[in-house]
Every structure is written in structure tokens, then in C-alpha cells.
Amino acid sequence: MLAALYVEIRKLNRSLALLLAIAAPTLIGIFTFFNMLRGRAPMPWDMWLSGASAIWAFFMLPMSVTALTALVAHMEHGPKAWDHLRALPRPRWTIYAAKAICVLGLVALMSVLNLAVSVGAVILAGEVKSVVAASGDLSVTAQLVTVGKIWLAGLLLVAIQFWIALRFSSFVPALAVGIGGTFFSVVATTARAGVFFPWQMPINMLATEAWRVQTALGLGAGLGVVALLLAVAHLSAREVR
């Protein structure tokens, strides 16, 4: 398993995955920076960082997962390397499990990087225009807890995209599902049933109603783990065509 994980990490280093991991949080940081410069009065740290987390959970996370899983899958679909990988003298499930772990690790890295870039953007904007410098105290621990909840609630979303991306050799089904899920999440933002929709579970971590947070977190994390296990088992058992 460790050997398979090492190989997948080496593959990611040679792909555009790291560029994606940096680009997505950076875009949110740039938006936060210029949005602050438009202000005329100081606002609390929590407001700016919660806004950045909301953008990440609501839009950038689903789209990044869509792109990332398609990229990871295409590394094998493109050169038609599945037959070679599955013929290696190691359990097949380790191939898919290693890919799933790498995807989850990159999403976690992007989530933390989003927080770090947002903090830097707020500090820089305050230096450029002192009148809008963030007020109050910066609670890094509280923000990291929120980041962790968003990541856990997004496990089901990651599992669905991962499963589809590796199941189909064409990247179209995975992109269609990712774009469609994000679209319905946006147009049905205020829907009460959105707490049960995988693409809205991460943003519900910022809800003011405790039941929404608990429900989305429980379903997103719990069903996400189950879905990932089922995906690995299914992909390992089927023949690649």
C-alpha cells in the first residue's frame, strides 16, 4: 500500500495537480484582497475569513474536486495504462485506495491553503489601506476547525466524483456531474432540503442552525467514507474496457 501511495504521489508531482491546488485558493485570496480595498471601514477578521470559507465550500471546492478527480483519472485513462497497473503483483484495491488518499490529501491541503492565503490577503489589504484593516482578534484554531468540518462534509462529494471519474474512460461524465451538481447547488441555495444534497453539505458547515451543521456533517462524512470504500471495491473488481 505504501509503495502504491508513493507512486501516486510521484505521478501527481509530474502533473498539473499541484498547480490546481495552488491556483484555486489563490483566486479566493485575490478576490478577498480587492474586495477589502473597496471598503471604507474596518470589518472583523471572522467576517472576512468566513466569507473566504463560504466561497471555497460553496463553489471552488466542488469545481476543484471535479477537476482534480478528472485529472487523476486521466493519468491512467489517457495512456490506457490500467491493464499494466492491474497486472502488477499487488492487490488491485491498493491502486484505487492510493489514488483516493491522494485526492483527499490534496483537497485537505487546498482547504488549509485557502485559509492561509485568505489571512495573508486580509493582512496585505490592511497594510495597503489601513482604514480597512481587519478588527478584532484572529482565532486560527476556530478557523481550522471550520476548515476541517468543511473537508469532512465534502467527503461524499469527493467520493461521487472520484467514483465516476475512474469508472468512465471519458472525462465528460465526471465533468457533467460536477458542473451539474454545482449548478443545482447555486440555484437552490436556500432550499431546506439542500442539507441532504452532497454539493451543499460543505457550505452547511457555516449555517447558523445547529441541526443543519450536524446533519450535513454526519451525512457527508459518514456516507462519504462508505461511498469511498464501495468505490474502491467496485473499481477493483470490474474489468477495465
Protein backbone atom coordinates (compact mmCIF):
# COMPACT_ATOMS: atom_id res chain seq x y z
CA MET A 1 0.00 0.00 0.00
CA LEU A 2 2.83 2.42 0.85
CA ALA A 3 4.52 1.64 -2.46
CA ALA A 4 1.32 2.36 -4.38
CA LEU A 5 0.85 5.60 -2.45
CA TYR A 6 4.44 6.68 -3.17
CA VAL A 7 3.95 6.05 -6.90
CA GLU A 8 0.73 8.10 -6.95
CA ILE A 9 2.43 11.00 -5.20
CA ARG A 10 5.24 10.91 -7.77
CA LYS A 11 2.67 10.97 -10.56
CA LEU A 12 0.96 13.99 -9.04
CA ASN A 13 4.29 15.82 -8.86
CA ARG A 14 4.59 15.45 -12.62
CA SER A 15 1.02 16.57 -13.32
CA LEU A 16 -0.91 19.84 -13.08
CA ALA A 17 -2.47 18.79 -9.76
CA LEU A 18 -0.16 20.97 -7.66
CA LEU A 19 -0.82 23.95 -9.93
CA LEU A 20 -4.55 23.43 -9.40
CA ALA A 21 -4.02 23.10 -5.64
CA ILE A 22 -2.31 26.49 -5.57
CA ALA A 23 -4.44 28.30 -8.14
CA ALA A 24 -7.88 27.72 -6.59
CA PRO A 25 -7.10 29.12 -3.11
CA THR A 26 -5.07 31.94 -4.66
CA LEU A 27 -8.07 33.12 -6.66
CA ILE A 28 -10.10 33.39 -3.46
CA GLY A 29 -7.27 35.32 -1.82
CA ILE A 30 -7.13 37.76 -4.73
CA PHE A 31 -10.87 38.30 -4.54
CA THR A 32 -10.70 38.88 -0.78
CA PHE A 33 -7.84 41.37 -1.18
CA PHE A 34 -9.57 43.55 -3.75
CA ASN A 35 -12.93 43.24 -2.00
CA MET A 36 -11.34 44.66 1.14
CA LEU A 37 -9.82 47.55 -0.78
CA ARG A 38 -13.32 48.56 -1.84
CA GLY A 39 -14.33 49.06 1.80
CA ARG A 40 -14.34 52.25 3.82
CA ALA A 41 -14.39 50.90 7.35
CA PRO A 42 -12.77 48.01 9.25
CA MET A 43 -14.62 44.70 9.47
CA PRO A 44 -13.96 41.77 11.85
CA TRP A 45 -11.49 39.04 10.99
CA ASP A 46 -14.24 36.46 11.28
CA MET A 47 -16.31 38.13 8.58
CA TRP A 48 -13.53 38.13 6.01
CA LEU A 49 -12.37 34.57 6.72
CA SER A 50 -15.92 33.23 6.88
CA GLY A 51 -16.56 34.85 3.50
CA ALA A 52 -13.49 33.16 2.04
CA SER A 53 -14.54 29.81 3.53
CA ALA A 54 -18.03 30.26 2.08
CA ILE A 55 -16.65 30.83 -1.43
CA TRP A 56 -14.44 27.77 -1.04
CA ALA A 57 -17.18 25.49 0.31
CA PHE A 58 -19.92 26.71 -2.00
CA PHE A 59 -18.21 26.93 -5.38
CA MET A 60 -14.45 26.47 -5.54
CA LEU A 61 -14.33 23.18 -3.59
CA PRO A 62 -16.85 21.34 -5.82
CA MET A 63 -15.26 22.63 -9.01
CA SER A 64 -11.73 21.85 -7.77
CA VAL A 65 -12.76 18.31 -6.83
CA THR A 66 -14.31 17.86 -10.28
CA ALA A 67 -11.11 18.96 -11.99
CA LEU A 68 -8.81 17.09 -9.62
CA THR A 69 -10.56 13.72 -9.88
CA ALA A 70 -10.74 14.03 -13.67
CA LEU A 71 -7.02 14.82 -13.74
CA VAL A 72 -6.11 11.87 -11.50
CA ALA A 73 -8.24 9.50 -13.58
CA HIS A 74 -6.89 10.79 -16.91
CA MET A 75 -3.33 9.94 -15.87
CA GLU A 76 -4.34 6.29 -16.43
CA HIS A 77 -7.22 6.67 -18.90
CA GLY A 78 -5.17 8.80 -21.30
CA PRO A 79 -2.27 6.41 -21.96
CA LYS A 80 -4.56 3.38 -21.35
CA ALA A 81 -2.35 2.23 -18.50
CA TRP A 82 -4.95 0.37 -16.46
CA ASP A 83 -4.10 -3.06 -17.87
CA HIS A 84 -0.48 -2.60 -16.89
CA LEU A 85 -1.32 -1.36 -13.39
CA ARG A 86 -3.80 -4.12 -12.69
CA ALA A 87 -1.32 -6.77 -13.86
CA LEU A 88 1.27 -5.75 -11.26
CA PRO A 89 1.88 -8.25 -8.42
CA ARG A 90 -0.02 -6.28 -5.78
CA PRO A 91 -3.66 -6.23 -4.64
CA ARG A 92 -5.75 -4.24 -7.09
CA TRP A 93 -7.51 -2.32 -4.34
CA THR A 94 -4.26 -0.64 -3.32
CA ILE A 95 -4.12 1.16 -6.69
CA TYR A 96 -7.51 2.79 -6.21
CA ALA A 97 -7.09 3.34 -2.48
CA ALA A 98 -3.82 5.18 -3.08
CA LYS A 99 -5.49 7.43 -5.65
CA ALA A 100 -8.37 8.16 -3.25
CA ILE A 101 -5.95 9.03 -0.43
CA CYS A 102 -4.01 11.38 -2.72
CA VAL A 103 -7.20 13.16 -3.78
CA LEU A 104 -8.36 13.55 -0.17
CA GLY A 105 -4.92 14.76 0.86
CA LEU A 106 -4.81 17.37 -1.90
CA VAL A 107 -8.30 18.62 -1.03
CA ALA A 108 -7.23 18.94 2.61
CA LEU A 109 -4.08 20.81 1.53
CA MET A 110 -6.13 23.17 -0.62
CA SER A 111 -8.54 23.80 2.25
CA VAL A 112 -5.74 24.79 4.63
CA LEU A 113 -4.00 26.79 1.91
CA ASN A 114 -7.23 28.69 1.29
CA LEU A 115 -7.25 29.77 4.93
CA ALA A 116 -3.56 30.75 4.84
CA VAL A 117 -3.90 32.73 1.61
CA SER A 118 -7.03 34.47 2.90
CA VAL A 119 -5.26 35.50 6.10
CA GLY A 120 -2.38 36.85 4.03
CA ALA A 121 -4.78 38.72 1.76
CA VAL A 122 -6.52 40.37 4.71
CA ILE A 123 -3.19 41.41 6.27
CA LEU A 124 -1.88 42.76 2.95
CA ALA A 125 -5.06 44.72 2.26
CA GLY A 126 -4.82 46.26 5.72
CA GLU A 127 -1.25 47.32 5.01
CA VAL A 128 -2.17 48.86 1.67
CA LYS A 129 -5.26 50.63 3.03
CA SER A 130 -5.05 50.96 6.79
CA VAL A 131 -8.61 52.22 7.19
CA VAL A 132 -9.97 48.75 6.25
CA ALA A 133 -7.55 46.71 8.40
CA ALA A 134 -9.40 43.81 9.99
CA SER A 135 -10.63 44.43 13.52
CA GLY A 136 -10.86 42.07 16.49
CA ASP A 137 -8.78 39.00 17.18
CA LEU A 138 -7.78 36.32 14.70
CA SER A 139 -8.78 32.89 16.04
CA VAL A 140 -6.74 30.46 13.95
CA THR A 141 -7.95 27.45 15.93
CA ALA A 142 -11.61 28.23 15.31
CA GLN A 143 -10.97 28.77 11.62
CA LEU A 144 -9.08 25.48 11.34
CA VAL A 145 -11.99 23.68 13.00
CA THR A 146 -14.31 25.15 10.37
CA VAL A 147 -11.91 24.12 7.60
CA GLY A 148 -11.86 20.59 8.99
CA LYS A 149 -15.65 20.40 9.10
CA ILE A 150 -15.94 21.61 5.51
CA TRP A 151 -13.44 18.94 4.42
CA LEU A 152 -15.29 16.18 6.28
CA ALA A 153 -18.68 17.28 4.97
CA GLY A 154 -17.24 17.20 1.45
CA LEU A 155 -16.18 13.54 1.62
CA LEU A 156 -19.38 12.32 -0.05
CA LEU A 157 -18.92 14.81 -2.86
CA VAL A 158 -15.32 13.68 -3.33
CA ALA A 159 -16.36 10.02 -3.31
CA ILE A 160 -19.00 10.53 -6.00
CA GLN A 161 -16.67 12.47 -8.29
CA PHE A 162 -13.82 10.01 -7.71
CA TRP A 163 -16.01 7.00 -8.47
CA ILE A 164 -17.39 8.45 -11.71
CA ALA A 165 -14.03 9.80 -12.92
CA LEU A 166 -12.30 6.44 -12.56
CA ARG A 167 -15.27 4.39 -13.78
CA PHE A 168 -15.56 6.07 -17.18
CA SER A 169 -12.62 6.48 -19.54
CA SER A 170 -14.12 9.72 -20.90
CA PHE A 171 -13.84 12.79 -18.68
CA VAL A 172 -17.26 14.03 -19.86
CA PRO A 173 -19.43 12.12 -17.32
CA ALA A 174 -17.37 13.37 -14.37
CA LEU A 175 -17.39 16.95 -15.63
CA ALA A 176 -21.12 16.80 -16.35
CA VAL A 177 -21.91 15.56 -12.85
CA GLY A 178 -19.58 18.10 -11.21
CA ILE A 179 -20.88 21.07 -13.17
CA GLY A 180 -24.49 19.93 -12.79
CA GLY A 181 -24.14 19.40 -9.05
CA THR A 182 -22.58 22.84 -8.58
CA PHE A 183 -25.25 24.45 -10.74
CA PHE A 184 -28.15 22.99 -8.76
CA SER A 185 -26.36 23.85 -5.53
CA VAL A 186 -26.17 27.51 -6.60
CA VAL A 187 -29.74 27.86 -7.87
CA ALA A 188 -31.16 26.05 -4.84
CA THR A 189 -29.10 27.84 -2.23
CA THR A 190 -31.95 28.47 0.20
CA ALA A 191 -33.63 25.08 -0.22
CA ARG A 192 -34.25 23.45 3.13
CA ALA A 193 -33.55 20.03 1.62
CA GLY A 194 -30.15 21.25 0.45
CA VAL A 195 -28.64 19.81 3.62
CA PHE A 196 -29.13 16.36 2.04
CA PHE A 197 -27.51 17.34 -1.28
CA PRO A 198 -23.79 16.35 -1.41
CA TRP A 199 -22.75 19.55 -3.19
CA GLN A 200 -24.36 21.70 -0.46
CA MET A 201 -23.09 19.76 2.55
CA PRO A 202 -19.79 21.70 2.83
CA ILE A 203 -21.45 25.13 2.81
CA ASN A 204 -23.83 23.98 5.53
CA MET A 205 -20.86 23.95 7.91
CA LEU A 206 -21.28 27.72 8.01
CA ALA A 207 -25.02 27.59 8.77
CA THR A 208 -26.38 29.23 11.92
CA GLU A 209 -28.79 26.36 12.58
CA ALA A 210 -27.12 23.59 14.56
CA TRP A 211 -29.24 20.82 13.03
CA ARG A 212 -28.08 21.74 9.53
CA VAL A 213 -24.43 21.60 10.56
CA GLN A 214 -24.82 18.29 12.38
CA THR A 215 -26.91 16.67 9.64
CA ALA A 216 -24.65 17.72 6.77
CA LEU A 217 -21.51 16.79 8.69
CA GLY A 218 -22.83 13.37 9.68
CA LEU A 219 -24.12 12.51 6.21
CA GLY A 220 -21.19 14.00 4.33
CA ALA A 221 -18.51 12.30 6.42
CA GLY A 222 -20.32 9.04 7.19
CA LEU A 223 -21.73 8.32 3.75
CA GLY A 224 -18.55 9.67 2.21
CA VAL A 225 -16.39 7.03 3.88
CA VAL A 226 -18.86 4.30 2.90
CA ALA A 227 -19.00 5.54 -0.69
CA LEU A 228 -15.20 5.64 -0.95
CA LEU A 229 -14.93 2.06 0.31
CA LEU A 230 -17.61 0.91 -2.13
CA ALA A 231 -15.89 2.79 -4.96
CA VAL A 232 -12.55 1.11 -4.26
CA ALA A 233 -14.20 -2.32 -4.01
CA HIS A 234 -16.22 -1.83 -7.21
CA LEU A 235 -13.36 -0.44 -9.27
CA SER A 236 -11.04 -3.22 -8.09
CA ALA A 237 -13.49 -5.95 -9.05
CA ARG A 238 -14.57 -4.75 -12.51
CA GLU A 239 -12.66 -5.25 -15.72
CA VAL A 240 -11.43 -2.13 -17.49
CA ARG A 241 -12.72 -1.71 -21.05
